[in-house]
């Protein structure tokens, strides 16, 4: 059985934002979307989210900046960084920004859904320790 989570998507491309929303909603998750980093941070501050998906390359604020601000607000919320830049993200950079998983575009439906379970599983195990 899949656990339902509240997930924030921060993505400037409307079609990608909608696709991520559709995929996560099909996985029975509650989803809210933001069109840029500034909007996403504001929504995060006003809501309670179990997880955040953020695009890496956005005009107003990079996904790294979004991740840092989210973690400054709540260091326990897992972050999935989505990138279409086809570059290898170094592990030390992921660790510095406390990003849990990186997904490359184009992504597969099962890749998005399994990342939720993987990351939430990591956080659940951390809480149990």
Protein backbone atom coordinates (compact mmCIF):
# COMPACT_ATOMS: atom_id res chain seq x y z
CA UNK A 1 0.00 0.00 0.00
CA UNK A 2 1.28 3.45 -0.91
CA UNK A 3 1.23 6.15 1.72
CA UNK A 4 -0.30 9.44 0.66
CA UNK A 5 2.04 12.43 0.94
CA UNK A 6 1.65 16.17 0.47
CA UNK A 7 4.11 17.26 -2.21
CA UNK A 8 5.11 20.69 -3.48
CA UNK A 9 6.28 20.97 -7.10
CA UNK A 10 8.39 24.01 -8.03
CA UNK A 11 8.77 24.08 -11.82
CA UNK A 12 8.75 27.00 -14.27
CA UNK A 13 7.74 24.99 -17.36
CA UNK A 14 3.98 24.57 -17.32
CA UNK A 15 3.93 21.27 -19.24
CA UNK A 16 6.54 19.66 -16.95
CA UNK A 17 4.80 21.05 -13.86
CA UNK A 18 1.49 19.57 -15.04
CA UNK A 19 3.09 16.22 -15.93
CA UNK A 20 4.74 15.90 -12.50
CA UNK A 21 1.45 16.87 -10.86
CA UNK A 22 -0.48 14.29 -12.89
CA UNK A 23 2.04 11.54 -12.10
CA UNK A 24 2.11 12.27 -8.38
CA UNK A 25 -1.67 12.66 -8.21
CA UNK A 26 -2.04 9.28 -9.96
CA UNK A 27 0.08 7.90 -7.10
CA UNK A 28 -2.62 9.19 -4.73
CA UNK A 29 -0.46 12.03 -3.40
CA UNK A 30 -1.79 15.51 -2.61
CA UNK A 31 0.02 17.99 -4.85
CA UNK A 32 0.44 21.76 -4.93
CA UNK A 33 2.37 23.55 -7.66
CA UNK A 34 4.43 26.72 -7.90
CA UNK A 35 5.59 28.34 -11.16
CA UNK A 36 8.87 29.66 -9.73
CA UNK A 37 11.17 29.51 -6.73
CA UNK A 38 9.85 32.61 -5.02
CA UNK A 39 6.26 31.34 -5.20
CA UNK A 40 7.38 27.88 -4.07
CA UNK A 41 9.18 29.20 -0.99
CA UNK A 42 6.15 31.30 -0.05
CA UNK A 43 3.84 28.29 -0.42
CA UNK A 44 6.22 26.15 1.62
CA UNK A 45 6.31 28.71 4.42
CA UNK A 46 2.50 28.80 4.53
CA UNK A 47 1.85 25.07 4.20
CA UNK A 48 2.94 21.73 5.50
CA UNK A 49 4.64 19.50 2.93
CA UNK A 50 6.17 16.03 3.17
CA UNK A 51 8.41 16.52 0.16
CA UNK A 52 9.47 19.03 -2.53
CA UNK A 53 10.24 18.46 -6.21
CA UNK A 54 12.12 21.41 -7.71
CA UNK A 55 13.47 22.10 -11.16
CA UNK A 56 17.18 22.95 -11.28
CA UNK A 57 17.09 25.64 -13.97
CA UNK A 58 14.55 28.37 -13.35
CA UNK A 59 14.79 32.08 -14.18
CA UNK A 60 14.20 33.65 -10.76
CA UNK A 61 15.90 31.17 -8.46
CA UNK A 62 17.81 27.94 -9.16
CA UNK A 63 16.73 24.61 -7.75
CA UNK A 64 19.84 24.71 -5.55
CA UNK A 65 18.64 28.00 -4.03
CA UNK A 66 15.13 26.60 -3.56
CA UNK A 67 16.59 23.49 -1.85
CA UNK A 68 18.72 25.61 0.50
CA UNK A 69 15.81 27.86 1.49
CA UNK A 70 13.48 24.87 2.02
CA UNK A 71 16.08 23.13 4.19
CA UNK A 72 16.65 26.36 6.15
CA UNK A 73 12.91 26.40 6.94
CA UNK A 74 12.60 22.65 7.60
CA UNK A 75 15.72 20.52 7.31
CA UNK A 76 13.75 17.28 7.45
CA UNK A 77 11.73 17.74 4.25
CA UNK A 78 13.17 15.64 1.41
CA UNK A 79 14.08 17.38 -1.85
CA UNK A 80 14.03 15.87 -5.34
CA UNK A 81 15.94 17.96 -7.88
CA UNK A 82 14.68 17.64 -11.47
CA UNK A 83 17.06 18.62 -14.26
CA UNK A 84 17.06 18.59 -18.02
CA UNK A 85 20.63 19.81 -18.29
CA UNK A 86 21.99 16.31 -18.87
CA UNK A 87 24.93 16.90 -16.55
CA UNK A 88 26.21 14.64 -13.82
CA UNK A 89 25.37 16.20 -10.47
CA UNK A 90 28.26 15.59 -8.10
CA UNK A 91 27.46 13.81 -4.82
CA UNK A 92 29.24 16.49 -2.78
CA UNK A 93 27.05 19.21 -4.31
CA UNK A 94 23.90 17.17 -3.54
CA UNK A 95 25.18 16.75 0.02
CA UNK A 96 26.03 20.46 0.39
CA UNK A 97 22.48 21.42 -0.57
CA UNK A 98 20.95 18.40 1.19
CA UNK A 99 19.24 17.21 -2.00
CA UNK A 100 18.05 13.63 -1.61
CA UNK A 101 17.55 12.51 -5.23
CA UNK A 102 18.24 13.92 -8.69
CA UNK A 103 15.95 12.95 -11.58
CA UNK A 104 16.98 13.65 -15.17
CA UNK A 105 14.43 14.81 -17.75
CA UNK A 106 12.86 13.16 -19.60
CA UNK A 107 11.74 11.08 -16.65
CA UNK A 108 9.57 7.98 -16.50
CA UNK A 109 6.33 7.74 -14.48
CA UNK A 110 7.68 4.90 -12.32
CA UNK A 111 10.91 6.85 -11.72
CA UNK A 112 8.96 9.77 -10.22
CA UNK A 113 6.72 7.55 -8.08
CA UNK A 114 9.56 5.34 -6.88
CA UNK A 115 11.61 8.41 -5.91
CA UNK A 116 8.82 9.44 -3.53
CA UNK A 117 8.86 6.04 -1.82
CA UNK A 118 12.67 5.93 -1.74
CA UNK A 119 13.07 9.38 -0.21
CA UNK A 120 10.19 9.10 2.23
CA UNK A 121 11.54 5.68 3.23
CA UNK A 122 14.93 7.25 3.98
CA UNK A 123 13.29 9.94 6.10
CA UNK A 124 11.09 7.40 7.92
CA UNK A 125 14.18 5.32 8.76
CA UNK A 126 16.01 8.47 9.97
CA UNK A 127 13.09 9.33 12.28
CA UNK A 128 13.08 5.81 13.72
CA UNK A 129 16.73 6.05 14.82
